[in-house]
Full PDB file with SEQRES, HELIX, SHEET, SSBOND, CRYST1, ORIGX, SCALE, CONECT and MASTER records, all heavy atoms in Angstrom:
SEQRES   1 A   34  ARG LYS GLU THR PHE ARG GLY LYS ARG VAL VAL ILE VAL          
SEQRES   2 A   34  GLY THR GLY GLU THR ALA MET ASP LEU VAL PHE HIS ALA          
SEQRES   3 A   34  VAL GLN VAL ALA GLU THR VAL THR                              
HELIX    1 AA1 LYS A    2  PHE A    5  5                                   4    
HELIX    2 AA2 GLU A   17  VAL A   29  1                                  13    
SHEET    1 AA1 2 ARG A   9  VAL A  10  0                                        
SHEET    2 AA1 2 THR A  32  VAL A  33  1                                        
CRYST1    1.000    1.000    1.000  90.00  90.00  90.00 P 1           1          
ORIGX1      1.000000  0.000000  0.000000        0.00000                         
ORIGX2      0.000000  1.000000  0.000000        0.00000                         
ORIGX3      0.000000  0.000000  1.000000        0.00000                         
SCALE1      1.000000  0.000000  0.000000        0.00000                         
SCALE2      0.000000  1.000000  0.000000        0.00000                         
SCALE3      0.000000  0.000000  1.000000        0.00000                         
ATOM      1  N   ARG A   1       0.847  -1.193   0.003  1.00  0.00           N  
ATOM      2  CA  ARG A   1       0.027   0.053  -0.002  1.00  0.00           C  
ATOM      3  C   ARG A   1       0.856   1.268  -0.005  1.00  0.00           C  
ATOM      4  O   ARG A   1       1.951   1.272   0.594  1.00  0.00           O  
ATOM      5  CB  ARG A   1      -0.905   0.018   1.243  1.00  0.00           C  
ATOM      6  CG  ARG A   1      -1.804  -1.191   1.341  1.00  0.00           C  
ATOM      7  CD  ARG A   1      -2.780  -1.107   2.509  1.00  0.00           C  
ATOM      8  NE  ARG A   1      -3.652   0.062   2.372  1.00  0.00           N  
ATOM      9  CZ  ARG A   1      -4.796   0.073   1.721  1.00  0.00           C  
ATOM     10  NH1 ARG A   1      -5.184  -1.024   1.023  1.00  0.00           N  
ATOM     11  NH2 ARG A   1      -5.535   1.113   1.708  1.00  0.00           N  
ATOM     12  N   LYS A   2       0.318   2.313  -0.665  1.00  0.00           N  
ATOM     13  CA  LYS A   2       1.153   3.575  -0.752  1.00  0.00           C  
ATOM     14  C   LYS A   2       1.245   4.249   0.566  1.00  0.00           C  
ATOM     15  O   LYS A   2       2.128   5.171   0.676  1.00  0.00           O  
ATOM     16  CB  LYS A   2       0.470   4.481  -1.743  1.00  0.00           C  
ATOM     17  CG  LYS A   2      -0.879   5.030  -1.446  1.00  0.00           C  
ATOM     18  CD  LYS A   2      -1.347   5.832  -2.627  1.00  0.00           C  
ATOM     19  CE  LYS A   2      -2.815   6.375  -2.331  1.00  0.00           C  
ATOM     20  NZ  LYS A   2      -3.337   7.113  -3.508  1.00  0.00           N  
ATOM     21  N   GLU A   3       0.428   3.906   1.582  1.00  0.00           N  
ATOM     22  CA  GLU A   3       0.610   4.577   2.862  1.00  0.00           C  
ATOM     23  C   GLU A   3       2.017   4.249   3.456  1.00  0.00           C  
ATOM     24  O   GLU A   3       2.449   5.005   4.359  1.00  0.00           O  
ATOM     25  CB  GLU A   3      -0.467   4.013   3.833  1.00  0.00           C  
ATOM     26  CG  GLU A   3      -1.858   4.622   3.616  1.00  0.00           C  
ATOM     27  CD  GLU A   3      -1.781   6.165   3.803  1.00  0.00           C  
ATOM     28  OE1 GLU A   3      -1.191   6.619   4.787  1.00  0.00           O  
ATOM     29  OE2 GLU A   3      -2.271   6.827   2.900  1.00  0.00           O  
ATOM     30  N   THR A   4       2.667   3.166   2.928  1.00  0.00           N  
ATOM     31  CA  THR A   4       4.003   2.935   3.357  1.00  0.00           C  
ATOM     32  C   THR A   4       4.946   4.141   3.161  1.00  0.00           C  
ATOM     33  O   THR A   4       5.932   4.300   3.861  1.00  0.00           O  
ATOM     34  CB  THR A   4       4.520   1.727   2.586  1.00  0.00           C  
ATOM     35  OG1 THR A   4       3.625   0.554   2.835  1.00  0.00           O  
ATOM     36  CG2 THR A   4       5.986   1.350   3.044  1.00  0.00           C  
ATOM     37  N   PHE A   5       4.593   4.908   2.121  1.00  0.00           N  
ATOM     38  CA  PHE A   5       5.501   6.044   1.723  1.00  0.00           C  
ATOM     39  C   PHE A   5       5.168   7.356   2.317  1.00  0.00           C  
ATOM     40  O   PHE A   5       5.831   8.353   2.088  1.00  0.00           O  
ATOM     41  CB  PHE A   5       5.491   6.205   0.207  1.00  0.00           C  
ATOM     42  CG  PHE A   5       5.878   4.972  -0.584  1.00  0.00           C  
ATOM     43  CD1 PHE A   5       5.298   4.552  -1.725  1.00  0.00           C  
ATOM     44  CD2 PHE A   5       7.066   4.274  -0.190  1.00  0.00           C  
ATOM     45  CE1 PHE A   5       5.725   3.494  -2.420  1.00  0.00           C  
ATOM     46  CE2 PHE A   5       7.529   3.158  -0.831  1.00  0.00           C  
ATOM     47  CZ  PHE A   5       6.873   2.763  -2.014  1.00  0.00           C  
ATOM     48  N   ARG A   6       3.989   7.370   3.122  1.00  0.00           N  
ATOM     49  CA  ARG A   6       3.474   8.714   3.515  1.00  0.00           C  
ATOM     50  C   ARG A   6       4.543   9.501   4.347  1.00  0.00           C  
ATOM     51  O   ARG A   6       5.018   8.947   5.405  1.00  0.00           O  
ATOM     52  CB  ARG A   6       2.203   8.606   4.267  1.00  0.00           C  
ATOM     53  CG  ARG A   6       1.617   9.951   4.700  1.00  0.00           C  
ATOM     54  CD  ARG A   6       0.201   9.753   5.232  1.00  0.00           C  
ATOM     55  NE  ARG A   6      -0.705   9.304   4.171  1.00  0.00           N  
ATOM     56  CZ  ARG A   6      -1.286  10.090   3.219  1.00  0.00           C  
ATOM     57  NH1 ARG A   6      -0.943  11.419   3.196  1.00  0.00           N  
ATOM     58  NH2 ARG A   6      -2.079   9.596   2.379  1.00  0.00           N  
ATOM     59  N   GLY A   7       4.823  10.697   3.960  1.00  0.00           N  
ATOM     60  CA  GLY A   7       5.762  11.558   4.616  1.00  0.00           C  
ATOM     61  C   GLY A   7       7.170  11.151   4.653  1.00  0.00           C  
ATOM     62  O   GLY A   7       8.046  11.804   5.321  1.00  0.00           O  
ATOM     63  N   LYS A   8       7.552  10.160   3.872  1.00  0.00           N  
ATOM     64  CA  LYS A   8       8.951   9.636   3.803  1.00  0.00           C  
ATOM     65  C   LYS A   8       9.695  10.225   2.642  1.00  0.00           C  
ATOM     66  O   LYS A   8       9.245  10.678   1.646  1.00  0.00           O  
ATOM     67  CB  LYS A   8       8.851   8.075   3.638  1.00  0.00           C  
ATOM     68  CG  LYS A   8       8.077   7.353   4.768  1.00  0.00           C  
ATOM     69  CD  LYS A   8       8.769   7.538   6.138  1.00  0.00           C  
ATOM     70  CE  LYS A   8       8.064   6.772   7.205  1.00  0.00           C  
ATOM     71  NZ  LYS A   8       8.024   5.325   6.983  1.00  0.00           N  
ATOM     72  N   ARG A   9      11.035  10.149   2.834  1.00  0.00           N  
ATOM     73  CA  ARG A   9      12.002  10.446   1.652  1.00  0.00           C  
ATOM     74  C   ARG A   9      12.298   9.067   1.060  1.00  0.00           C  
ATOM     75  O   ARG A   9      12.987   8.259   1.577  1.00  0.00           O  
ATOM     76  CB  ARG A   9      13.178  11.137   2.236  1.00  0.00           C  
ATOM     77  CG  ARG A   9      12.907  12.526   2.909  1.00  0.00           C  
ATOM     78  CD  ARG A   9      14.097  13.026   3.668  1.00  0.00           C  
ATOM     79  NE  ARG A   9      14.452  12.108   4.804  1.00  0.00           N  
ATOM     80  CZ  ARG A   9      15.380  12.326   5.679  1.00  0.00           C  
ATOM     81  NH1 ARG A   9      16.187  13.412   5.527  1.00  0.00           N  
ATOM     82  NH2 ARG A   9      15.688  11.467   6.661  1.00  0.00           N  
ATOM     83  N   VAL A  10      11.828   8.884  -0.177  1.00  0.00           N  
ATOM     84  CA  VAL A  10      11.804   7.566  -0.754  1.00  0.00           C  
ATOM     85  C   VAL A  10      12.756   7.536  -1.963  1.00  0.00           C  
ATOM     86  O   VAL A  10      12.786   8.439  -2.788  1.00  0.00           O  
ATOM     87  CB  VAL A  10      10.311   7.232  -1.305  1.00  0.00           C  
ATOM     88  CG1 VAL A  10      10.380   5.846  -1.970  1.00  0.00           C  
ATOM     89  CG2 VAL A  10       9.333   7.252  -0.114  1.00  0.00           C  
ATOM     90  N   VAL A  11      13.591   6.433  -2.007  1.00  0.00           N  
ATOM     91  CA  VAL A  11      14.437   6.243  -3.154  1.00  0.00           C  
ATOM     92  C   VAL A  11      14.015   4.829  -3.691  1.00  0.00           C  
ATOM     93  O   VAL A  11      13.940   3.836  -2.946  1.00  0.00           O  
ATOM     94  CB  VAL A  11      15.936   6.125  -2.759  1.00  0.00           C  
ATOM     95  CG1 VAL A  11      16.724   5.685  -3.841  1.00  0.00           C  
ATOM     96  CG2 VAL A  11      16.381   7.486  -2.282  1.00  0.00           C  
ATOM     97  N   ILE A  12      13.754   4.779  -4.951  1.00  0.00           N  
ATOM     98  CA  ILE A  12      13.291   3.507  -5.572  1.00  0.00           C  
ATOM     99  C   ILE A  12      14.384   3.165  -6.683  1.00  0.00           C  
ATOM    100  O   ILE A  12      14.727   3.957  -7.496  1.00  0.00           O  
ATOM    101  CB  ILE A  12      11.931   3.698  -6.284  1.00  0.00           C  
ATOM    102  CG1 ILE A  12      10.833   3.961  -5.280  1.00  0.00           C  
ATOM    103  CG2 ILE A  12      11.568   2.415  -7.082  1.00  0.00           C  
ATOM    104  CD1 ILE A  12       9.496   4.334  -5.832  1.00  0.00           C  
ATOM    105  N   VAL A  13      14.840   1.886  -6.529  1.00  0.00           N  
ATOM    106  CA  VAL A  13      15.886   1.384  -7.416  1.00  0.00           C  
ATOM    107  C   VAL A  13      15.322   0.492  -8.421  1.00  0.00           C  
ATOM    108  O   VAL A  13      14.569  -0.496  -8.091  1.00  0.00           O  
ATOM    109  CB  VAL A  13      16.957   0.659  -6.636  1.00  0.00           C  
ATOM    110  CG1 VAL A  13      18.120   0.113  -7.596  1.00  0.00           C  
ATOM    111  CG2 VAL A  13      17.559   1.538  -5.561  1.00  0.00           C  
ATOM    112  N   GLY A  14      15.371   0.807  -9.756  1.00  0.00           N  
ATOM    113  CA  GLY A  14      14.827   0.009 -10.773  1.00  0.00           C  
ATOM    114  C   GLY A  14      13.855   0.753 -11.642  1.00  0.00           C  
ATOM    115  O   GLY A  14      13.288   1.783 -11.211  1.00  0.00           O  
ATOM    116  N   THR A  15      13.640   0.363 -12.887  1.00  0.00           N  
ATOM    117  CA  THR A  15      12.833   1.073 -13.851  1.00  0.00           C  
ATOM    118  C   THR A  15      11.927   0.191 -14.586  1.00  0.00           C  
ATOM    119  O   THR A  15      11.462   0.464 -15.737  1.00  0.00           O  
ATOM    120  CB  THR A  15      13.688   1.791 -14.837  1.00  0.00           C  
ATOM    121  OG1 THR A  15      14.618   0.874 -15.465  1.00  0.00           O  
ATOM    122  CG2 THR A  15      14.492   2.893 -14.201  1.00  0.00           C  
ATOM    123  N   GLY A  16      11.481  -0.947 -14.019  1.00  0.00           N  
ATOM    124  CA  GLY A  16      10.468  -1.784 -14.603  1.00  0.00           C  
ATOM    125  C   GLY A  16       9.053  -1.210 -14.324  1.00  0.00           C  
ATOM    126  O   GLY A  16       8.957  -0.184 -13.678  1.00  0.00           O  
ATOM    127  N   GLU A  17       8.037  -1.917 -14.731  1.00  0.00           N  
ATOM    128  CA  GLU A  17       6.753  -1.488 -14.577  1.00  0.00           C  
ATOM    129  C   GLU A  17       6.273  -1.432 -13.125  1.00  0.00           C  
ATOM    130  O   GLU A  17       5.541  -0.488 -12.726  1.00  0.00           O  
ATOM    131  CB  GLU A  17       5.737  -2.386 -15.406  1.00  0.00           C  
ATOM    132  CG  GLU A  17       5.863  -2.108 -16.911  1.00  0.00           C  
ATOM    133  CD  GLU A  17       5.334  -3.211 -17.738  1.00  0.00           C  
ATOM    134  OE1 GLU A  17       5.234  -4.357 -17.335  1.00  0.00           O  
ATOM    135  OE2 GLU A  17       4.955  -2.941 -18.944  1.00  0.00           O  
ATOM    136  N   THR A  18       6.790  -2.386 -12.361  1.00  0.00           N  
ATOM    137  CA  THR A  18       6.534  -2.257 -10.882  1.00  0.00           C  
ATOM    138  C   THR A  18       7.106  -0.967 -10.348  1.00  0.00           C  
ATOM    139  O   THR A  18       6.507  -0.269  -9.475  1.00  0.00           O  
ATOM    140  CB  THR A  18       7.052  -3.524 -10.169  1.00  0.00           C  
ATOM    141  OG1 THR A  18       6.361  -4.597 -10.645  1.00  0.00           O  
ATOM    142  CG2 THR A  18       6.843  -3.448  -8.741  1.00  0.00           C  
ATOM    143  N   ALA A  19       8.379  -0.712 -10.627  1.00  0.00           N  
ATOM    144  CA  ALA A  19       9.017   0.494 -10.226  1.00  0.00           C  
ATOM    145  C   ALA A  19       8.202   1.713 -10.534  1.00  0.00           C  
ATOM    146  O   ALA A  19       8.065   2.638  -9.720  1.00  0.00           O  
ATOM    147  CB  ALA A  19      10.437   0.614 -10.714  1.00  0.00           C  
ATOM    148  N   MET A  20       7.723   1.742 -11.766  1.00  0.00           N  
ATOM    149  CA  MET A  20       6.955   2.974 -12.193  1.00  0.00           C  
ATOM    150  C   MET A  20       5.636   3.077 -11.408  1.00  0.00           C  
ATOM    151  O   MET A  20       5.203   4.161 -11.058  1.00  0.00           O  
ATOM    152  CB  MET A  20       6.633   2.838 -13.714  1.00  0.00           C  
ATOM    153  CG  MET A  20       7.877   3.022 -14.587  1.00  0.00           C  
ATOM    154  SD  MET A  20       8.746   4.619 -14.395  1.00  0.00           S  
ATOM    155  CE  MET A  20      10.163   4.043 -13.503  1.00  0.00           C  
ATOM    156  N   ASP A  21       5.011   1.997 -11.165  1.00  0.00           N  
ATOM    157  CA  ASP A  21       3.765   1.994 -10.349  1.00  0.00           C  
ATOM    158  C   ASP A  21       4.064   2.461  -8.963  1.00  0.00           C  
ATOM    159  O   ASP A  21       3.359   3.281  -8.351  1.00  0.00           O  
ATOM    160  CB  ASP A  21       3.147   0.533 -10.174  1.00  0.00           C  
ATOM    161  CG  ASP A  21       2.506   0.116 -11.466  1.00  0.00           C  
ATOM    162  OD1 ASP A  21       2.250   0.929 -12.411  1.00  0.00           O  
ATOM    163  OD2 ASP A  21       2.148  -1.080 -11.615  1.00  0.00           O  
ATOM    164  N   LEU A  22       5.215   2.080  -8.367  1.00  0.00           N  
ATOM    165  CA  LEU A  22       5.597   2.462  -7.026  1.00  0.00           C  
ATOM    166  C   LEU A  22       5.893   4.056  -6.973  1.00  0.00           C  
ATOM    167  O   LEU A  22       5.583   4.727  -6.043  1.00  0.00           O  
ATOM    168  CB  LEU A  22       6.737   1.689  -6.515  1.00  0.00           C  
ATOM    169  CG  LEU A  22       6.320   0.440  -5.635  1.00  0.00           C  
ATOM    170  CD1 LEU A  22       5.453  -0.500  -6.448  1.00  0.00           C  
ATOM    171  CD2 LEU A  22       7.555  -0.293  -5.112  1.00  0.00           C  
ATOM    172  N   VAL A  23       6.606   4.441  -8.020  1.00  0.00           N  
ATOM    173  CA  VAL A  23       6.857   5.929  -8.179  1.00  0.00           C  
ATOM    174  C   VAL A  23       5.539   6.682  -8.137  1.00  0.00           C  
ATOM    175  O   VAL A  23       5.354   7.706  -7.443  1.00  0.00           O  
ATOM    176  CB  VAL A  23       7.666   6.256  -9.345  1.00  0.00           C  
ATOM    177  CG1 VAL A  23       7.738   7.767  -9.649  1.00  0.00           C  
ATOM    178  CG2 VAL A  23       9.058   5.726  -9.300  1.00  0.00           C  
ATOM    179  N   PHE A  24       4.525   6.235  -9.002  1.00  0.00           N  
ATOM    180  CA  PHE A  24       3.300   6.945  -9.025  1.00  0.00           C  
ATOM    181  C   PHE A  24       2.584   6.895  -7.677  1.00  0.00           C  
ATOM    182  O   PHE A  24       1.989   7.975  -7.256  1.00  0.00           O  
ATOM    183  CB  PHE A  24       2.413   6.266 -10.069  1.00  0.00           C  
ATOM    184  CG  PHE A  24       1.055   6.887 -10.209  1.00  0.00           C  
ATOM    185  CD1 PHE A  24       0.953   8.216 -10.574  1.00  0.00           C  
ATOM    186  CD2 PHE A  24      -0.166   6.154  -9.920  1.00  0.00           C  
ATOM    187  CE1 PHE A  24      -0.243   8.799 -10.751  1.00  0.00           C  
ATOM    188  CE2 PHE A  24      -1.338   6.784 -10.120  1.00  0.00           C  
ATOM    189  CZ  PHE A  24      -1.458   8.097 -10.555  1.00  0.00           C  
ATOM    190  N   HIS A  25       2.637   5.871  -6.869  1.00  0.00           N  
ATOM    191  CA  HIS A  25       2.104   5.831  -5.561  1.00  0.00           C  
ATOM    192  C   HIS A  25       2.876   6.826  -4.618  1.00  0.00           C  
ATOM    193  O   HIS A  25       2.265   7.511  -3.851  1.00  0.00           O  
ATOM    194  CB  HIS A  25       2.195   4.386  -4.962  1.00  0.00           C  
ATOM    195  CG  HIS A  25       1.147   3.492  -5.640  1.00  0.00           C  
ATOM    196  ND1 HIS A  25       1.053   2.136  -5.240  1.00  0.00           N  
ATOM    197  CD2 HIS A  25       0.236   3.686  -6.574  1.00  0.00           C  
ATOM    198  CE1 HIS A  25       0.125   1.604  -5.955  1.00  0.00           C  
ATOM    199  NE2 HIS A  25      -0.454   2.531  -6.731  1.00  0.00           N  
ATOM    200  N   ALA A  26       4.163   6.757  -4.742  1.00  0.00           N  
ATOM    201  CA  ALA A  26       5.030   7.534  -3.796  1.00  0.00           C  
ATOM    202  C   ALA A  26       4.876   8.993  -4.015  1.00  0.00           C  
ATOM    203  O   ALA A  26       4.783   9.746  -2.974  1.00  0.00           O  
ATOM    204  CB  ALA A  26       6.482   7.063  -3.931  1.00  0.00           C  
ATOM    205  N   VAL A  27       4.761   9.485  -5.263  1.00  0.00           N  
ATOM    206  CA  VAL A  27       4.708  10.965  -5.429  1.00  0.00           C  
ATOM    207  C   VAL A  27       3.461  11.532  -4.818  1.00  0.00           C  
ATOM    208  O   VAL A  27       3.371  12.749  -4.545  1.00  0.00           O  
ATOM    209  CB  VAL A  27       4.830  11.312  -6.901  1.00  0.00           C  
ATOM    210  CG1 VAL A  27       6.177  10.866  -7.508  1.00  0.00           C  
ATOM    211  CG2 VAL A  27       3.739  10.697  -7.728  1.00  0.00           C  
ATOM    212  N   GLN A  28       2.499  10.747  -4.637  1.00  0.00           N  
ATOM    213  CA  GLN A  28       1.212  11.223  -4.094  1.00  0.00           C  
ATOM    214  C   GLN A  28       1.257  11.444  -2.547  1.00  0.00           C  
ATOM    215  O   GLN A  28       0.475  12.325  -2.027  1.00  0.00           O  
ATOM    216  CB  GLN A  28       0.099  10.265  -4.355  1.00  0.00           C  
ATOM    217  CG  GLN A  28      -0.174  10.024  -5.872  1.00  0.00           C  
ATOM    218  CD  GLN A  28      -1.204   8.967  -6.139  1.00  0.00           C  
ATOM    219  OE1 GLN A  28      -2.265   8.992  -5.517  1.00  0.00           O  
ATOM    220  NE2 GLN A  28      -0.933   7.978  -7.012  1.00  0.00           N  
ATOM    221  N   VAL A  29       2.151  10.782  -1.889  1.00  0.00           N  
ATOM    222  CA  VAL A  29       2.099  10.897  -0.437  1.00  0.00           C  
ATOM    223  C   VAL A  29       3.407  11.114   0.267  1.00  0.00           C  
ATOM    224  O   VAL A  29       3.501  11.498   1.461  1.00  0.00           O  
ATOM    225  CB  VAL A  29       1.487   9.547   0.189  1.00  0.00           C  
ATOM    226  CG1 VAL A  29       0.031   9.411  -0.265  1.00  0.00           C  
ATOM    227  CG2 VAL A  29       2.309   8.307  -0.207  1.00  0.00           C  
ATOM    228  N   ALA A  30       4.489  10.925  -0.519  1.00  0.00           N  
ATOM    229  CA  ALA A  30       5.912  11.040   0.058  1.00  0.00           C  
ATOM    230  C   ALA A  30       6.343  12.494   0.168  1.00  0.00           C  
ATOM    231  O   ALA A  30       5.827  13.368  -0.499  1.00  0.00           O  
ATOM    232  CB  ALA A  30       6.915  10.231  -0.775  1.00  0.00           C  
ATOM    233  N   GLU A  31       7.397  12.703   0.972  1.00  0.00           N  
ATOM    234  CA  GLU A  31       8.001  14.030   1.055  1.00  0.00           C  
ATOM    235  C   GLU A  31       8.888  14.294  -0.192  1.00  0.00           C  
ATOM    236  O   GLU A  31       8.827  15.393  -0.785  1.00  0.00           O  
ATOM    237  CB  GLU A  31       8.862  14.176   2.347  1.00  0.00           C  
ATOM    238  CG  GLU A  31       9.499  15.442   2.500  1.00  0.00           C  
ATOM    239  CD  GLU A  31      10.367  15.525   3.725  1.00  0.00           C  
ATOM    240  OE1 GLU A  31      10.005  14.905   4.764  1.00  0.00           O  
ATOM    241  OE2 GLU A  31      11.378  16.280   3.745  1.00  0.00           O  
ATOM    242  N   THR A  32       9.758  13.357  -0.496  1.00  0.00           N  
ATOM    243  CA  THR A  32      10.572  13.453  -1.731  1.00  0.00           C  
ATOM    244  C   THR A  32      10.615  12.028  -2.334  1.00  0.00           C  
ATOM    245  O   THR A  32      10.497  10.995  -1.634  1.00  0.00           O  
ATOM    246  CB  THR A  32      11.993  13.915  -1.389  1.00  0.00           C  
ATOM    247  OG1 THR A  32      12.641  12.928  -0.553  1.00  0.00           O  
ATOM    248  CG2 THR A  32      12.023  15.226  -0.706  1.00  0.00           C  
ATOM    249  N   VAL A  33      10.779  11.973  -3.640  1.00  0.00           N  
ATOM    250  CA  VAL A  33      10.933  10.776  -4.347  1.00  0.00           C  
ATOM    251  C   VAL A  33      12.070  10.831  -5.365  1.00  0.00           C  
ATOM    252  O   VAL A  33      12.252  11.740  -6.089  1.00  0.00           O  
ATOM    253  CB  VAL A  33       9.644  10.386  -5.153  1.00  0.00           C  
ATOM    254  CG1 VAL A  33       9.728   9.057  -5.844  1.00  0.00           C  
ATOM    255  CG2 VAL A  33       8.417  10.418  -4.269  1.00  0.00           C  
ATOM    256  N   THR A  34      12.924   9.825  -5.382  1.00  0.00           N  
ATOM    257  CA  THR A  34      14.087   9.699  -6.215  1.00  0.00           C  
ATOM    258  C   THR A  34      14.103   8.338  -6.865  1.00  0.00           C  
ATOM    259  O   THR A  34      13.829   7.313  -6.244  1.00  0.00           O  
ATOM    260  CB  THR A  34      15.405   9.912  -5.450  1.00  0.00           C  
ATOM    261  OG1 THR A  34      15.350  11.127  -4.787  1.00  0.00           O  
ATOM    262  CG2 THR A  34      16.606   9.791  -6.452  1.00  0.00           C  
TER     263      THR A  34                                                      
MASTER        0    0    0    2    2    0    0    6  262    1    0    3          
END                                                                             
């Protein structure tokens, strides 16, 4: 769940479709996303 990222500084390693889905979730609730 994207709540895992709420308010966090998130770094995601990888560029597959799962990584892209996680980026989309993270940008909605995280403090920063890389």
